[in-house]
Amino acid sequence: MSHTRTAGPACPEEINHAIRSFLAARSSRALTGDERQEYARLRTEWLAATRGRGRYCTAA
């Protein structure tokens, strides 16, 4: 199951939530090869967002 983003860059908090949810759903087993690639993509997206290339979140 792959997640593809169609909107602009997300803020770090949104990506962090996506990473935590992704890993929590798979907490009882090792990641598959495809899942490791998805996790790496999410980490890369989070890193880009934390380096100022993503938008900032605003409190609701």
PDB file of N, CA and C in Angstrom:
ATOM      1  N   MET A   1       0.853  -1.163   0.000  1.00  0.00           N
ATOM      2  CA  MET A   1       0.000   0.000   0.000  1.00  0.00           C
ATOM      3  C   MET A   1       0.902   1.230   0.000  1.00  0.00           C
ATOM      4  N   SER A   2       0.826   2.007  -1.042  1.00  0.00           N
ATOM      5  CA  SER A   2       1.669   3.175  -1.164  1.00  0.00           C
ATOM      6  C   SER A   2       0.827   4.431  -1.068  1.00  0.00           C
ATOM      7  N   HIS A   3       1.363   5.421  -0.412  1.00  0.00           N
ATOM      8  CA  HIS A   3       0.686   6.694  -0.257  1.00  0.00           C
ATOM      9  C   HIS A   3       1.324   7.687  -1.211  1.00  0.00           C
ATOM     10  N   THR A   4       0.529   8.308  -2.044  1.00  0.00           N
ATOM     11  CA  THR A   4       1.062   9.319  -2.945  1.00  0.00           C
ATOM     12  C   THR A   4       0.422  10.648  -2.623  1.00  0.00           C
ATOM     13  N   ARG A   5       1.234  11.688  -2.578  1.00  0.00           N
ATOM     14  CA  ARG A   5       0.753  13.026  -2.260  1.00  0.00           C
ATOM     15  C   ARG A   5       0.405  13.759  -3.547  1.00  0.00           C
ATOM     16  N   THR A   6      -0.727  14.403  -3.533  1.00  0.00           N
ATOM     17  CA  THR A   6      -1.113  15.184  -4.696  1.00  0.00           C
ATOM     18  C   THR A   6      -1.095  16.671  -4.377  1.00  0.00           C
ATOM     19  N   ALA A   7      -1.132  17.031  -3.113  1.00  0.00           N
ATOM     20  CA  ALA A   7      -1.112  18.437  -2.716  1.00  0.00           C
ATOM     21  C   ALA A   7       0.331  18.916  -2.612  1.00  0.00           C
ATOM     22  N   GLY A   8       0.487  20.175  -2.235  1.00  0.00           N
ATOM     23  CA  GLY A   8       1.814  20.746  -2.042  1.00  0.00           C
ATOM     24  C   GLY A   8       2.511  20.114  -0.852  1.00  0.00           C
ATOM     25  N   PRO A   9       3.703  20.588  -0.536  1.00  0.00           N
ATOM     26  CA  PRO A   9       4.463  20.000   0.564  1.00  0.00           C
ATOM     27  C   PRO A   9       3.736  20.160   1.898  1.00  0.00           C
ATOM     28  N   ALA A  10       3.818  19.158   2.709  1.00  0.00           N
ATOM     29  CA  ALA A  10       3.163  19.170   4.011  1.00  0.00           C
ATOM     30  C   ALA A  10       4.099  19.765   5.052  1.00  0.00           C
ATOM     31  N   CYS A  11       3.532  20.151   6.169  1.00  0.00           N
ATOM     32  CA  CYS A  11       4.357  20.649   7.259  1.00  0.00           C
ATOM     33  C   CYS A  11       4.960  19.460   8.009  1.00  0.00           C
ATOM     34  N   PRO A  12       6.056  19.685   8.732  1.00  0.00           N
ATOM     35  CA  PRO A  12       6.727  18.577   9.431  1.00  0.00           C
ATOM     36  C   PRO A  12       5.805  17.810  10.378  1.00  0.00           C
ATOM     37  N   GLU A  13       4.903  18.514  11.060  1.00  0.00           N
ATOM     38  CA  GLU A  13       4.012  17.838  12.009  1.00  0.00           C
ATOM     39  C   GLU A  13       3.088  16.852  11.307  1.00  0.00           C
ATOM     40  N   GLU A  14       2.595  17.220  10.125  1.00  0.00           N
ATOM     41  CA  GLU A  14       1.719  16.317   9.370  1.00  0.00           C
ATOM     42  C   GLU A  14       2.481  15.077   8.913  1.00  0.00           C
ATOM     43  N   ILE A  15       3.696  15.293   8.451  1.00  0.00           N
ATOM     44  CA  ILE A  15       4.501  14.166   7.982  1.00  0.00           C
ATOM     45  C   ILE A  15       4.890  13.273   9.157  1.00  0.00           C
ATOM     46  N   ASN A  16       5.230  13.883  10.286  1.00  0.00           N
ATOM     47  CA  ASN A  16       5.568  13.111  11.483  1.00  0.00           C
ATOM     48  C   ASN A  16       4.390  12.230  11.893  1.00  0.00           C
ATOM     49  N   HIS A  17       3.194  12.797  11.845  1.00  0.00           N
ATOM     50  CA  HIS A  17       1.992  12.019  12.167  1.00  0.00           C
ATOM     51  C   HIS A  17       1.833  10.847  11.192  1.00  0.00           C
ATOM     52  N   ALA A  18       2.073  11.109   9.907  1.00  0.00           N
ATOM     53  CA  ALA A  18       1.963  10.047   8.900  1.00  0.00           C
ATOM     54  C   ALA A  18       2.980   8.941   9.160  1.00  0.00           C
ATOM     55  N   ILE A  19       4.200   9.324   9.536  1.00  0.00           N
ATOM     56  CA  ILE A  19       5.230   8.324   9.836  1.00  0.00           C
ATOM     57  C   ILE A  19       4.831   7.494  11.039  1.00  0.00           C
ATOM     58  N   ARG A  20       4.382   8.155  12.104  1.00  0.00           N
ATOM     59  CA  ARG A  20       3.979   7.422  13.319  1.00  0.00           C
ATOM     60  C   ARG A  20       2.807   6.484  13.046  1.00  0.00           C
ATOM     61  N   SER A  21       1.841   6.946  12.270  1.00  0.00           N
ATOM     62  CA  SER A  21       0.693   6.098  11.926  1.00  0.00           C
ATOM     63  C   SER A  21       1.125   4.911  11.075  1.00  0.00           C
ATOM     64  N   PHE A  22       1.991   5.187  10.117  1.00  0.00           N
ATOM     65  CA  PHE A  22       2.508   4.141   9.235  1.00  0.00           C
ATOM     66  C   PHE A  22       3.198   3.048  10.050  1.00  0.00           C
ATOM     67  N   LEU A  23       4.068   3.455  10.971  1.00  0.00           N
ATOM     68  CA  LEU A  23       4.794   2.470  11.778  1.00  0.00           C
ATOM     69  C   LEU A  23       3.899   1.782  12.803  1.00  0.00           C
ATOM     70  N   ALA A  24       2.971   2.504  13.392  1.00  0.00           N
ATOM     71  CA  ALA A  24       2.065   1.908  14.381  1.00  0.00           C
ATOM     72  C   ALA A  24       1.220   0.800  13.757  1.00  0.00           C
ATOM     73  N   ALA A  25       0.826   0.979  12.516  1.00  0.00           N
ATOM     74  CA  ALA A  25       0.008  -0.021  11.834  1.00  0.00           C
ATOM     75  C   ALA A  25       0.799  -1.295  11.551  1.00  0.00           C
ATOM     76  N   ARG A  26       2.110  -1.209  11.670  1.00  0.00           N
ATOM     77  CA  ARG A  26       2.978  -2.357  11.364  1.00  0.00           C
ATOM     78  C   ARG A  26       3.852  -2.734  12.554  1.00  0.00           C
ATOM     79  N   SER A  27       3.426  -2.395  13.757  1.00  0.00           N
ATOM     80  CA  SER A  27       4.263  -2.555  14.945  1.00  0.00           C
ATOM     81  C   SER A  27       4.535  -4.009  15.328  1.00  0.00           C
ATOM     82  N   SER A  28       3.711  -4.925  14.881  1.00  0.00           N
ATOM     83  CA  SER A  28       3.875  -6.319  15.307  1.00  0.00           C
ATOM     84  C   SER A  28       4.715  -7.150  14.339  1.00  0.00           C
ATOM     85  N   ARG A  29       5.290  -6.505  13.324  1.00  0.00           N
ATOM     86  CA  ARG A  29       6.072  -7.274  12.354  1.00  0.00           C
ATOM     87  C   ARG A  29       7.116  -6.387  11.684  1.00  0.00           C
ATOM     88  N   ALA A  30       8.029  -7.028  10.995  1.00  0.00           N
ATOM     89  CA  ALA A  30       9.050  -6.299  10.239  1.00  0.00           C
ATOM     90  C   ALA A  30       8.426  -5.707   8.978  1.00  0.00           C
ATOM     91  N   LEU A  31       9.007  -4.613   8.510  1.00  0.00           N
ATOM     92  CA  LEU A  31       8.519  -3.986   7.285  1.00  0.00           C
ATOM     93  C   LEU A  31       8.940  -4.804   6.066  1.00  0.00           C
ATOM     94  N   THR A  32       8.078  -4.826   5.069  1.00  0.00           N
ATOM     95  CA  THR A  32       8.421  -5.457   3.795  1.00  0.00           C
ATOM     96  C   THR A  32       9.337  -4.506   3.020  1.00  0.00           C
ATOM     97  N   GLY A  33       9.861  -4.955   1.913  1.00  0.00           N
ATOM     98  CA  GLY A  33      10.702  -4.105   1.081  1.00  0.00           C
ATOM     99  C   GLY A  33       9.977  -2.866   0.603  1.00  0.00           C
ATOM    100  N   ASP A  34       8.747  -3.031   0.146  1.00  0.00           N
ATOM    101  CA  ASP A  34       7.948  -1.887  -0.307  1.00  0.00           C
ATOM    102  C   ASP A  34       7.661  -0.922   0.844  1.00  0.00           C
ATOM    103  N   GLU A  35       7.383  -1.476   2.014  1.00  0.00           N
ATOM    104  CA  GLU A  35       7.111  -0.631   3.176  1.00  0.00           C
ATOM    105  C   GLU A  35       8.360   0.122   3.614  1.00  0.00           C
ATOM    106  N   ARG A  36       9.521  -0.498   3.531  1.00  0.00           N
ATOM    107  CA  ARG A  36      10.772   0.207   3.849  1.00  0.00           C
ATOM    108  C   ARG A  36      10.992   1.365   2.887  1.00  0.00           C
ATOM    109  N   GLN A  37      10.668   1.168   1.620  1.00  0.00           N
ATOM    110  CA  GLN A  37      10.797   2.250   0.643  1.00  0.00           C
ATOM    111  C   GLN A  37       9.833   3.394   0.959  1.00  0.00           C
ATOM    112  N   GLU A  38       8.618   3.052   1.339  1.00  0.00           N
ATOM    113  CA  GLU A  38       7.634   4.077   1.703  1.00  0.00           C
ATOM    114  C   GLU A  38       8.087   4.835   2.947  1.00  0.00           C
ATOM    115  N   TYR A  39       8.614   4.130   3.940  1.00  0.00           N
ATOM    116  CA  TYR A  39       9.120   4.766   5.149  1.00  0.00           C
ATOM    117  C   TYR A  39      10.286   5.709   4.808  1.00  0.00           C
ATOM    118  N   ALA A  40      11.179   5.273   3.942  1.00  0.00           N
ATOM    119  CA  ALA A  40      12.297   6.118   3.522  1.00  0.00           C
ATOM    120  C   ALA A  40      11.794   7.366   2.797  1.00  0.00           C
ATOM    121  N   ARG A  41      10.763   7.222   1.975  1.00  0.00           N
ATOM    122  CA  ARG A  41      10.192   8.369   1.276  1.00  0.00           C
ATOM    123  C   ARG A  41       9.597   9.361   2.269  1.00  0.00           C
ATOM    124  N   LEU A  42       8.870   8.846   3.257  1.00  0.00           N
ATOM    125  CA  LEU A  42       8.286   9.713   4.274  1.00  0.00           C
ATOM    126  C   LEU A  42       9.371  10.437   5.068  1.00  0.00           C
ATOM    127  N   ARG A  43      10.437   9.730   5.418  1.00  0.00           N
ATOM    128  CA  ARG A  43      11.549  10.359   6.144  1.00  0.00           C
ATOM    129  C   ARG A  43      12.183  11.469   5.323  1.00  0.00           C
ATOM    130  N   THR A  44      12.372  11.222   4.038  1.00  0.00           N
ATOM    131  CA  THR A  44      12.953  12.229   3.153  1.00  0.00           C
ATOM    132  C   THR A  44      12.044  13.445   3.067  1.00  0.00           C
ATOM    133  N   GLU A  45      10.747  13.210   2.966  1.00  0.00           N
ATOM    134  CA  GLU A  45       9.777  14.305   2.908  1.00  0.00           C
ATOM    135  C   GLU A  45       9.805  15.104   4.207  1.00  0.00           C
ATOM    136  N   TRP A  46       9.894  14.406   5.342  1.00  0.00           N
ATOM    137  CA  TRP A  46       9.942  15.078   6.642  1.00  0.00           C
ATOM    138  C   TRP A  46      11.207  15.921   6.758  1.00  0.00           C
ATOM    139  N   LEU A  47      12.338  15.365   6.329  1.00  0.00           N
ATOM    140  CA  LEU A  47      13.597  16.093   6.401  1.00  0.00           C
ATOM    141  C   LEU A  47      13.533  17.362   5.560  1.00  0.00           C
ATOM    142  N   ALA A  48      12.992  17.269   4.370  1.00  0.00           N
ATOM    143  CA  ALA A  48      12.851  18.446   3.511  1.00  0.00           C
ATOM    144  C   ALA A  48      11.970  19.496   4.184  1.00  0.00           C
ATOM    145  N   ALA A  49      10.889  19.061   4.817  1.00  0.00           N
ATOM    146  CA  ALA A  49       9.974  19.991   5.478  1.00  0.00           C
ATOM    147  C   ALA A  49      10.642  20.658   6.676  1.00  0.00           C
ATOM    148  N   THR A  50      11.466  19.919   7.411  1.00  0.00           N
ATOM    149  CA  THR A  50      12.116  20.499   8.585  1.00  0.00           C
ATOM    150  C   THR A  50      13.232  21.449   8.191  1.00  0.00           C
ATOM    151  N   ARG A  51      13.689  21.355   6.977  1.00  0.00           N
ATOM    152  CA  ARG A  51      14.738  22.262   6.503  1.00  0.00           C
ATOM    153  C   ARG A  51      14.154  23.485   5.819  1.00  0.00           C
ATOM    154  N   GLY A  52      12.883  23.740   6.059  1.00  0.00           N
ATOM    155  CA  GLY A  52      12.270  24.961   5.584  1.00  0.00           C
ATOM    156  C   GLY A  52      11.688  24.906   4.195  1.00  0.00           C
ATOM    157  N   ARG A  53      11.686  23.729   3.569  1.00  0.00           N
ATOM    158  CA  ARG A  53      11.113  23.641   2.223  1.00  0.00           C
ATOM    159  C   ARG A  53       9.632  23.308   2.255  1.00  0.00           C
ATOM    160  N   GLY A  54       9.104  22.976   3.424  1.00  0.00           N
ATOM    161  CA  GLY A  54       7.678  22.689   3.546  1.00  0.00           C
ATOM    162  C   GLY A  54       6.970  23.875   4.178  1.00  0.00           C
ATOM    163  N   ARG A  55       5.661  23.842   4.180  1.00  0.00           N
ATOM    164  CA  ARG A  55       4.909  24.930   4.784  1.00  0.00           C
ATOM    165  C   ARG A  55       4.796  24.702   6.291  1.00  0.00           C
ATOM    166  N   TYR A  56       4.503  25.755   7.010  1.00  0.00           N
ATOM    167  CA  TYR A  56       4.340  25.650   8.456  1.00  0.00           C
ATOM    168  C   TYR A  56       2.905  25.287   8.795  1.00  0.00           C
ATOM    169  N   CYS A  57       2.752  24.506   9.843  1.00  0.00           N
ATOM    170  CA  CYS A  57       1.414  24.178  10.325  1.00  0.00           C
ATOM    171  C   CYS A  57       0.911  25.315  11.187  1.00  0.00           C
ATOM    172  N   THR A  58      -0.365  25.477  11.201  1.00  0.00           N
ATOM    173  CA  THR A  58      -0.970  26.463  12.100  1.00  0.00           C
ATOM    174  C   THR A  58      -1.900  25.724  13.049  1.00  0.00           C
ATOM    175  N   ALA A  59      -1.927  26.162  14.265  1.00  0.00           N
ATOM    176  CA  ALA A  59      -2.784  25.520  15.264  1.00  0.00           C
ATOM    177  C   ALA A  59      -4.252  25.770  14.912  1.00  0.00           C
ATOM    178  N   ALA A  60      -5.040  24.724  15.068  1.00  0.00           N
ATOM    179  CA  ALA A  60      -6.469  24.843  14.745  1.00  0.00           C
ATOM    180  C   ALA A  60      -7.229  25.385  15.929  1.00  0.00           C
TER     181      ALA A  60
END
